[in-house]
Amino acid sequence: MIPPQISLGPVKIHFYGALIAIAILVGWYLAKKRAHFYKQSLRSSTSSAGLKIPQKIFDDPVLLFPLIFSLIGARLYHVVDYWDIYGKNLISILYVFNGGLGIWGGIVGAIIGFFVVAKIRKIDFATILDLASPSMLLGQAIGRIGNYINQEGFGPPTNLPWGVYIFPDRRPNQFLNFSNFHPTFFYEAVLNFIFFVFLLYLTKKFKSPGQIFSSYLIFYSVTRFVVEFWRIDTWVASGIKVAHLVSLITFVFGSILLLILSRKQRV
């Protein structure tokens, strides 16, 4: 097992946080390399229409907005889910390095952040979401490995060969006598990577801004809806898994949006 952290003298390195940082850097690098696929749709100037997204945007501090909003959104989603724990110790809300990020909150936060970027730098919102979507999906695939390191987000006990060992102190009370569990984080990581490759393929097929982002919403909602059947630690309200409900709503929204944009492309 990979330890959650190591100490180098007085410095502690949390592998979960390091992995999130790697996912962000990989996503940033991928978007920078793919920027030439997208043309900048400026709202005002006709003479500037058709300019490609400028490379300098990738060194612009304004890109911190999607990152900051994503982390805030992901943490808030998790905290609301586990409010019975965090409500008793509010300072623990800040301990992000211990794990605990809700991906749906992170996605919403990232979208808000990219909206801010689009407004400030006058870049078409749909275009920048198209550019960011594969990077987000790849980042999510990498980030899920962090759940393995922190031993969180796993499924029920299993005797299957690919079951992962979970330390006793990380097991739910009802499963203390079991040692191996479904690695749902790996299930999601694999599906995310498969859909990531498919998004890259669709980049050359789709022409209307927003189509790649719509596909991203569809792909991830399918992934999460499927994996959620094996999750045993997620938010449940009135007997319904919240992630299932959010996935269904996102799938419908993404499908309708893709249909509208596809008809627009044909016209």
Protein backbone atom coordinates (compact mmCIF):
# COMPACT_ATOMS: atom_id res chain seq x y z
CA MET A 1 0.00 0.00 0.00
CA ILE A 2 1.09 3.57 -0.69
CA PRO A 3 1.25 5.57 2.57
CA PRO A 4 -1.04 8.63 2.66
CA GLN A 5 1.94 10.80 3.56
CA ILE A 6 5.66 10.78 4.21
CA SER A 7 7.77 13.05 6.37
CA LEU A 8 10.97 14.64 5.14
CA GLY A 9 12.25 16.18 8.32
CA PRO A 10 9.70 18.81 9.39
CA VAL A 11 7.97 18.69 6.00
CA LYS A 12 5.02 16.37 5.40
CA ILE A 13 4.16 15.40 1.83
CA HIS A 14 0.55 14.30 1.36
CA PHE A 15 0.34 12.04 -1.70
CA TYR A 16 -3.34 12.83 -2.18
CA GLY A 17 -2.57 16.52 -2.60
CA ALA A 18 0.46 15.74 -4.77
CA LEU A 19 -1.69 13.61 -7.06
CA ILE A 20 -4.30 16.35 -7.40
CA ALA A 21 -1.51 18.77 -8.31
CA ILE A 22 -0.23 16.32 -10.94
CA ALA A 23 -3.74 15.97 -12.38
CA ILE A 24 -4.03 19.76 -12.65
CA LEU A 25 -0.65 20.13 -14.34
CA VAL A 26 -1.35 17.31 -16.80
CA GLY A 27 -4.73 18.84 -17.65
CA TRP A 28 -3.18 22.27 -18.13
CA TYR A 29 -0.44 20.88 -20.40
CA LEU A 30 -2.95 18.91 -22.47
CA ALA A 31 -5.18 21.95 -22.98
CA LYS A 32 -2.18 24.04 -23.99
CA LYS A 33 -1.19 21.48 -26.62
CA ARG A 34 -4.77 21.20 -27.93
CA ALA A 35 -5.55 24.92 -28.08
CA HIS A 36 -4.86 25.07 -31.82
CA PHE A 37 -8.01 23.01 -32.45
CA TYR A 38 -10.23 25.81 -31.21
CA LYS A 39 -10.95 29.20 -32.63
CA GLN A 40 -11.69 32.14 -30.45
CA SER A 41 -15.21 33.51 -30.87
CA LEU A 42 -14.94 37.11 -29.73
CA ARG A 43 -18.23 38.84 -29.00
CA SER A 44 -17.42 42.20 -30.46
CA SER A 45 -14.80 42.55 -33.17
CA THR A 46 -15.41 41.01 -36.59
CA SER A 47 -11.82 41.60 -37.60
CA SER A 48 -10.59 39.47 -34.70
CA ALA A 49 -12.95 36.60 -35.44
CA GLY A 50 -11.16 33.40 -36.27
CA LEU A 51 -8.13 34.04 -34.08
CA LYS A 52 -7.04 30.90 -32.29
CA ILE A 53 -7.13 30.83 -28.51
CA PRO A 54 -3.94 32.67 -27.57
CA GLN A 55 -1.17 30.62 -26.00
CA LYS A 56 -0.56 33.38 -23.48
CA ILE A 57 -3.85 32.52 -21.78
CA PHE A 58 -2.14 29.43 -20.33
CA ASP A 59 0.32 31.58 -18.41
CA ASP A 60 -2.41 33.97 -17.26
CA PRO A 61 -3.16 34.06 -13.50
CA VAL A 62 -6.83 34.30 -14.44
CA LEU A 63 -6.74 30.50 -14.92
CA LEU A 64 -6.55 30.21 -11.14
CA PHE A 65 -10.28 30.95 -11.02
CA PRO A 66 -11.39 27.53 -12.35
CA LEU A 67 -8.94 25.83 -10.00
CA ILE A 68 -10.01 27.78 -6.93
CA PHE A 69 -13.74 27.49 -7.63
CA SER A 70 -13.37 23.80 -8.42
CA LEU A 71 -11.63 23.03 -5.13
CA ILE A 72 -14.15 25.10 -3.18
CA GLY A 73 -17.10 23.45 -4.92
CA ALA A 74 -15.69 19.95 -4.48
CA ARG A 75 -15.02 20.52 -0.79
CA LEU A 76 -18.44 22.08 -0.15
CA TYR A 77 -20.21 19.14 -1.79
CA HIS A 78 -18.29 16.72 0.42
CA VAL A 79 -18.80 18.77 3.57
CA VAL A 80 -22.58 18.98 3.04
CA ASP A 81 -22.61 15.23 2.48
CA TYR A 82 -20.78 14.62 5.77
CA TRP A 83 -22.12 17.57 7.75
CA ASP A 84 -22.85 15.35 10.75
CA ILE A 85 -19.06 14.99 11.08
CA TYR A 86 -17.81 18.41 9.97
CA GLY A 87 -20.52 20.25 11.89
CA LYS A 88 -18.91 19.06 15.13
CA ASN A 89 -15.44 20.23 14.13
CA LEU A 90 -15.63 23.15 11.70
CA ILE A 91 -11.88 23.62 11.43
CA SER A 92 -11.63 20.15 9.85
CA ILE A 93 -13.39 21.58 6.78
CA LEU A 94 -10.02 23.08 5.84
CA TYR A 95 -8.16 19.76 6.01
CA VAL A 96 -8.44 19.06 2.31
CA PHE A 97 -5.15 17.16 2.30
CA ASN A 98 -6.87 14.39 4.27
CA GLY A 99 -9.17 13.73 1.33
CA GLY A 100 -12.81 14.52 0.85
CA LEU A 101 -13.68 16.16 -2.47
CA GLY A 102 -17.06 15.75 -4.14
CA ILE A 103 -16.53 15.64 -7.90
CA TRP A 104 -19.95 17.06 -8.81
CA GLY A 105 -19.22 20.13 -6.74
CA GLY A 106 -15.82 20.37 -8.40
CA ILE A 107 -17.34 20.26 -11.88
CA VAL A 108 -19.82 23.02 -11.07
CA GLY A 109 -17.04 25.11 -9.53
CA ALA A 110 -14.80 24.63 -12.58
CA ILE A 111 -17.61 25.71 -14.94
CA ILE A 112 -18.17 28.86 -12.88
CA GLY A 113 -14.43 29.52 -12.92
CA PHE A 114 -14.21 29.15 -16.70
CA PHE A 115 -17.19 31.49 -17.05
CA VAL A 116 -15.21 34.10 -15.13
CA VAL A 117 -12.20 33.51 -17.41
CA ALA A 118 -14.38 33.87 -20.50
CA LYS A 119 -15.83 37.15 -19.22
CA ILE A 120 -12.51 38.65 -18.22
CA ARG A 121 -10.55 37.65 -21.33
CA LYS A 122 -13.51 37.85 -23.75
CA ILE A 123 -13.17 34.25 -24.91
CA ASP A 124 -16.24 32.36 -26.02
CA PHE A 125 -17.53 30.43 -23.00
CA ALA A 126 -18.56 27.32 -24.95
CA THR A 127 -15.21 27.19 -26.73
CA ILE A 128 -13.17 27.33 -23.56
CA LEU A 129 -15.36 24.59 -22.03
CA ASP A 130 -14.72 22.44 -25.10
CA LEU A 131 -11.00 22.94 -24.69
CA ALA A 132 -11.09 22.18 -20.98
CA SER A 133 -13.40 19.13 -21.06
CA PRO A 134 -10.85 16.43 -22.06
CA SER A 135 -8.39 17.85 -19.55
CA MET A 136 -11.02 17.71 -16.82
CA LEU A 137 -11.90 14.11 -17.62
CA LEU A 138 -8.25 13.04 -17.68
CA GLY A 139 -7.66 14.93 -14.44
CA GLN A 140 -10.60 13.11 -12.86
CA ALA A 141 -9.14 9.77 -13.94
CA ILE A 142 -5.79 10.62 -12.35
CA GLY A 143 -7.39 12.11 -9.25
CA ARG A 144 -9.35 8.93 -8.51
CA ILE A 145 -6.06 7.20 -7.72
CA GLY A 146 -5.93 9.53 -4.74
CA ASN A 147 -8.96 7.73 -3.31
CA TYR A 148 -6.90 4.55 -3.34
CA ILE A 149 -4.03 6.26 -1.52
CA ASN A 150 -6.39 7.67 1.13
CA GLN A 151 -8.45 4.46 1.18
CA GLU A 152 -11.76 6.15 0.56
CA GLY A 153 -14.49 5.87 -2.04
CA PHE A 154 -14.31 2.08 -2.28
CA GLY A 155 -17.18 -0.35 -2.77
CA PRO A 156 -18.56 -3.33 -0.86
CA PRO A 157 -16.50 -6.44 0.09
CA THR A 158 -15.50 -8.74 -2.74
CA ASN A 159 -13.57 -11.96 -3.33
CA LEU A 160 -12.72 -10.98 -6.89
CA PRO A 161 -9.00 -11.07 -7.78
CA TRP A 162 -8.86 -7.30 -8.27
CA GLY A 163 -10.34 -6.48 -4.86
CA VAL A 164 -8.13 -4.08 -2.87
CA TYR A 165 -7.09 -4.42 0.73
CA ILE A 166 -8.51 -1.75 3.03
CA PHE A 167 -7.00 -1.07 6.43
CA PRO A 168 -9.30 -1.93 9.37
CA ASP A 169 -9.53 1.68 10.55
CA ARG A 170 -10.86 2.72 7.10
CA ARG A 171 -13.55 0.04 6.84
CA PRO A 172 -17.22 0.81 7.57
CA ASN A 173 -18.40 -0.70 10.86
CA GLN A 174 -20.66 -3.22 9.13
CA PHE A 175 -17.69 -4.56 7.13
CA LEU A 176 -14.99 -4.78 9.78
CA ASN A 177 -14.61 -8.51 9.27
CA PHE A 178 -13.85 -8.10 5.56
CA SER A 179 -10.48 -7.16 4.11
CA ASN A 180 -10.86 -6.78 0.33
CA PHE A 181 -13.27 -4.36 -1.32
CA HIS A 182 -14.39 -3.30 -4.80
CA PRO A 183 -11.93 -0.64 -6.10
CA THR A 184 -14.64 1.67 -7.39
CA PHE A 185 -12.07 4.45 -7.73
CA PHE A 186 -10.26 2.35 -10.32
CA TYR A 187 -13.53 1.49 -12.09
CA GLU A 188 -14.24 5.18 -12.47
CA ALA A 189 -10.66 6.00 -13.46
CA VAL A 190 -10.72 3.41 -16.27
CA LEU A 191 -14.09 4.57 -17.61
CA ASN A 192 -12.97 8.21 -17.42
CA PHE A 193 -9.84 7.41 -19.41
CA ILE A 194 -11.80 5.51 -22.07
CA PHE A 195 -14.22 8.41 -22.49
CA PHE A 196 -11.28 10.84 -22.46
CA VAL A 197 -9.82 9.09 -25.52
CA PHE A 198 -13.23 9.21 -27.18
CA LEU A 199 -13.49 12.96 -26.49
CA LEU A 200 -10.16 13.49 -28.23
CA TYR A 201 -11.54 11.61 -31.23
CA LEU A 202 -14.71 13.70 -31.27
CA THR A 203 -12.67 16.91 -31.29
CA LYS A 204 -12.03 16.42 -35.00
CA LYS A 205 -15.66 15.55 -35.72
CA PHE A 206 -17.58 18.28 -33.92
CA LYS A 207 -17.66 21.82 -35.24
CA SER A 208 -20.18 23.70 -33.11
CA PRO A 209 -18.86 25.20 -29.85
CA GLY A 210 -20.22 23.31 -26.87
CA GLN A 211 -20.48 19.87 -28.46
CA ILE A 212 -17.38 18.48 -26.75
CA PHE A 213 -18.51 19.88 -23.40
CA SER A 214 -21.97 18.36 -23.90
CA SER A 215 -20.33 15.01 -24.64
CA TYR A 216 -18.22 15.37 -21.51
CA LEU A 217 -21.35 15.83 -19.42
CA ILE A 218 -22.94 12.76 -21.03
CA PHE A 219 -19.86 10.58 -20.65
CA TYR A 220 -19.13 11.44 -17.05
CA SER A 221 -22.76 11.16 -15.96
CA VAL A 222 -22.86 7.64 -17.45
CA THR A 223 -19.60 6.74 -15.70
CA ARG A 224 -20.73 8.00 -12.33
CA PHE A 225 -24.21 6.52 -12.62
CA VAL A 226 -22.73 3.06 -13.29
CA VAL A 227 -20.00 3.21 -10.65
CA GLU A 228 -22.41 4.57 -8.06
CA PHE A 229 -24.07 1.15 -7.83
CA TRP A 230 -20.91 -0.09 -6.09
CA ARG A 231 -20.27 2.94 -3.89
CA ILE A 232 -21.16 2.48 -0.23
CA ASP A 233 -20.07 5.84 1.13
CA THR A 234 -21.97 8.41 -0.92
CA TRP A 235 -24.71 10.88 -0.12
CA VAL A 236 -28.18 9.36 0.23
CA ALA A 237 -31.34 11.43 0.64
CA SER A 238 -34.76 9.82 1.17
CA GLY A 239 -33.34 6.48 0.09
CA ILE A 240 -32.01 7.85 -3.21
CA LYS A 241 -28.32 8.27 -3.96
CA VAL A 242 -27.77 11.94 -4.73
CA ALA A 243 -25.03 11.11 -7.25
CA HIS A 244 -27.50 8.94 -9.18
CA LEU A 245 -29.98 11.80 -9.33
CA VAL A 246 -27.35 14.36 -10.32
CA SER A 247 -25.96 11.98 -12.96
CA LEU A 248 -29.42 11.49 -14.46
CA ILE A 249 -30.13 15.23 -14.59
CA THR A 250 -26.70 15.92 -16.09
CA PHE A 251 -27.16 13.20 -18.70
CA VAL A 252 -30.51 14.63 -19.81
CA PHE A 253 -29.15 18.18 -19.90
CA GLY A 254 -26.02 17.15 -21.83
CA SER A 255 -28.05 15.08 -24.31
CA ILE A 256 -30.50 17.90 -25.03
CA LEU A 257 -27.67 20.41 -25.40
CA LEU A 258 -25.75 18.10 -27.76
CA LEU A 259 -28.87 17.51 -29.84
CA ILE A 260 -29.49 21.25 -30.21
CA LEU A 261 -25.87 21.96 -31.12
CA SER A 262 -25.74 19.04 -33.58
CA ARG A 263 -28.80 20.36 -35.41
CA LYS A 264 -27.14 23.76 -35.49
CA GLN A 265 -24.02 22.21 -37.04
CA ARG A 266 -26.06 20.56 -39.80
CA VAL A 267 -27.73 23.86 -40.63
